[in-house]
Amino acid sequence: MDDYTGAYIARKNDILILPKHHAIAIFHLGGIAVECRLKSLLLLYHKINDWDQKSRRIKDSMYNQPIANPSHGLSTALRRMSDFAKLAKLDKQFLTHLHNIIYPLGSTDIDYISLRYIPQTTQSQEDWQKSFDYVCGWLEKNERILL
C-alpha cells in the first residue's frame, strides 16, 4: 500500500525548499501533496487499508461499497467522505482555496497535474501559497471528524 501520509509530508517539505522561481514545480508538487493527504484521509474515513475494499464506515452512504482510488480527483476524494464534504461546503473559503490548488493558473483547462507540460508562469506564488496553507491547515484541523 502506498504511504500517502508520508508522501504528503515529503511533498509539503519539498515545496518549502524549492527556490521561489520554480513556480510550476511548486504548484505541481503542492497539488500532489494535497492529493496524498486527501487519499490518506479517504482510507482512514472508510476504515480501509487499500483501494477497492468495502467501506466500513457504518453511517456513511458508501458503507459496504468498494472505495476506488480517486486518482488525481481532489474534489472526488472529498465528495467520497460525506461528513467531510458537508463540512467543506460550509466553508466557502476552503472550496475557493481548494480550487486554486487544483487549477493554480486560474484556467480550468490546466490542473496541477497538467502543469508538468507548462514551461513557465507569471502566476502569483504568494496567492497560491495562501491557498495551499489554508487547505492543508483545514484538512489537519478537521481530520478529527474522520475518527
Protein backbone atom coordinates (compact mmCIF):
# COMPACT_ATOMS: atom_id res chain seq x y z
CA MET A 1 0.00 0.00 0.00
CA ASP A 2 1.21 3.49 -0.83
CA ASP A 3 2.27 5.70 2.08
CA TYR A 4 0.07 8.71 1.35
CA THR A 5 0.73 10.35 4.71
CA GLY A 6 4.49 10.07 4.24
CA ALA A 7 4.21 11.35 0.67
CA TYR A 8 2.10 14.29 1.85
CA ILE A 9 4.72 15.30 4.40
CA ALA A 10 7.60 14.84 1.94
CA ARG A 11 5.92 16.83 -0.89
CA LYS A 12 4.88 19.56 1.55
CA ASN A 13 8.51 19.83 2.66
CA ASP A 14 9.69 19.78 -0.98
CA ILE A 15 7.80 22.94 -1.84
CA LEU A 16 9.26 24.71 1.18
CA ILE A 17 12.83 24.17 0.00
CA LEU A 18 12.36 24.74 -3.72
CA PRO A 19 13.68 28.12 -4.90
CA LYS A 20 10.84 30.61 -5.36
CA HIS A 21 11.46 30.89 -9.13
CA HIS A 22 10.29 27.27 -9.64
CA ALA A 23 6.58 28.12 -9.52
CA ILE A 24 5.46 25.30 -11.82
CA ALA A 25 7.24 22.67 -9.72
CA ILE A 26 5.88 24.19 -6.51
CA PHE A 27 2.29 24.27 -7.81
CA HIS A 28 2.59 20.73 -9.17
CA LEU A 29 4.13 19.22 -6.03
CA GLY A 30 1.76 21.15 -3.79
CA GLY A 31 -1.23 19.68 -5.63
CA ILE A 32 0.29 16.23 -5.27
CA ALA A 33 0.77 16.86 -1.54
CA VAL A 34 -2.92 17.74 -1.13
CA GLU A 35 -3.86 14.71 -3.26
CA CYS A 36 -1.85 12.42 -0.98
CA ARG A 37 -3.39 13.97 2.12
CA LEU A 38 -6.92 13.50 0.79
CA LYS A 39 -6.18 9.90 -0.18
CA SER A 40 -4.82 9.10 3.28
CA LEU A 41 -7.90 10.69 4.85
CA LEU A 42 -10.24 8.82 2.47
CA LEU A 43 -8.76 5.48 3.51
CA LEU A 44 -8.98 6.47 7.19
CA TYR A 45 -12.53 7.75 6.81
CA HIS A 46 -13.79 4.48 5.34
CA LYS A 47 -11.65 2.41 7.72
CA ILE A 48 -9.94 0.51 4.91
CA ASN A 49 -6.32 -0.30 4.14
CA ASP A 50 -6.39 -0.50 0.35
CA TRP A 51 -8.41 0.64 -2.63
CA ASP A 52 -11.45 -1.33 -3.74
CA GLN A 53 -12.07 -2.64 -0.23
CA LYS A 54 -15.60 -2.12 1.04
CA SER A 55 -16.23 0.86 3.28
CA ARG A 56 -16.51 0.01 6.96
CA ARG A 57 -17.92 3.40 7.94
CA ILE A 58 -21.34 2.24 9.12
CA LYS A 59 -23.26 5.53 9.00
CA ASP A 60 -21.94 6.59 5.59
CA SER A 61 -23.89 6.29 2.34
CA MET A 62 -20.95 4.37 0.85
CA TYR A 63 -20.96 1.78 3.62
CA ASN A 64 -20.23 -1.72 2.32
CA GLN A 65 -19.39 -0.39 -1.16
CA PRO A 66 -15.90 -0.63 -2.68
CA ILE A 67 -13.90 2.58 -2.38
CA ALA A 68 -11.99 3.25 -5.59
CA ASN A 69 -8.81 5.27 -5.84
CA PRO A 70 -9.89 8.81 -6.82
CA SER A 71 -6.71 9.21 -8.90
CA HIS A 72 -5.97 12.95 -9.21
CA GLY A 73 -9.54 14.00 -8.43
CA LEU A 74 -9.23 16.11 -5.30
CA SER A 75 -12.91 17.06 -5.37
CA THR A 76 -13.83 13.42 -5.96
CA ALA A 77 -11.83 12.33 -2.91
CA LEU A 78 -13.55 14.99 -0.82
CA ARG A 79 -17.05 14.01 -2.05
CA ARG A 80 -16.39 10.36 -1.11
CA MET A 81 -16.17 11.44 2.54
CA SER A 82 -19.71 12.72 3.03
CA ASP A 83 -19.26 14.08 6.56
CA PHE A 84 -16.07 15.83 5.50
CA ALA A 85 -17.67 17.15 2.31
CA LYS A 86 -20.61 18.63 4.25
CA LEU A 87 -18.19 20.48 6.49
CA ALA A 88 -16.21 21.71 3.49
CA LYS A 89 -19.36 23.10 1.85
CA LEU A 90 -19.91 25.26 4.92
CA ASP A 91 -16.51 26.86 4.39
CA LYS A 92 -16.60 28.70 1.05
CA GLN A 93 -13.02 29.84 1.59
CA PHE A 94 -11.87 26.25 1.77
CA LEU A 95 -13.60 25.42 -1.52
CA THR A 96 -12.10 28.52 -3.18
CA HIS A 97 -8.63 27.66 -1.92
CA LEU A 98 -9.01 24.01 -2.99
CA HIS A 99 -9.99 25.23 -6.46
CA ASN A 100 -6.79 27.32 -6.52
CA ILE A 101 -4.75 24.22 -5.71
CA ILE A 102 -6.47 22.19 -8.41
CA TYR A 103 -6.17 24.99 -11.02
CA PRO A 104 -3.17 27.06 -9.92
CA LEU A 105 -3.02 29.12 -13.13
CA GLY A 106 -6.67 30.15 -12.85
CA SER A 107 -7.77 28.43 -16.04
CA THR A 108 -9.78 25.24 -15.64
CA ASP A 109 -8.03 23.89 -18.73
CA ILE A 110 -4.82 23.21 -16.81
CA ASP A 111 -4.89 21.40 -13.48
CA TYR A 112 -2.00 20.76 -11.11
CA ILE A 113 -1.13 17.51 -12.92
CA SER A 114 -1.13 19.07 -16.40
CA LEU A 115 1.30 21.74 -15.21
CA ARG A 116 4.18 19.43 -16.00
CA TYR A 117 3.73 20.43 -19.65
CA ILE A 118 3.86 24.18 -19.00
CA PRO A 119 7.35 25.71 -19.28
CA GLN A 120 6.75 28.75 -17.05
CA THR A 121 4.16 31.01 -15.47
CA THR A 122 3.75 34.51 -14.13
CA GLN A 123 1.05 33.37 -11.68
CA SER A 124 1.48 34.68 -8.14
CA GLN A 125 3.14 32.17 -5.85
CA GLU A 126 2.13 34.22 -2.85
CA ASP A 127 -1.59 33.80 -3.58
CA TRP A 128 -1.11 30.09 -4.29
CA GLN A 129 0.85 29.66 -1.05
CA LYS A 130 -2.03 31.20 0.92
CA SER A 131 -4.38 28.68 -0.68
CA PHE A 132 -2.00 25.80 0.00
CA ASP A 133 -1.57 26.79 3.64
CA TYR A 134 -5.32 27.21 4.09
CA VAL A 135 -6.18 23.83 2.54
CA CYS A 136 -3.50 21.94 4.47
CA GLY A 137 -4.44 23.68 7.70
CA TRP A 138 -8.15 22.99 7.17
CA LEU A 139 -7.53 19.30 6.45
CA GLU A 140 -5.31 18.92 9.51
CA LYS A 141 -7.74 20.82 11.76
CA ASN A 142 -10.82 18.91 10.62
CA GLU A 143 -9.35 15.43 10.46
CA ARG A 144 -10.98 14.72 13.86
CA ILE A 145 -14.27 14.13 12.01
CA LEU A 146 -12.77 11.02 10.48
CA LEU A 147 -12.38 9.23 13.78
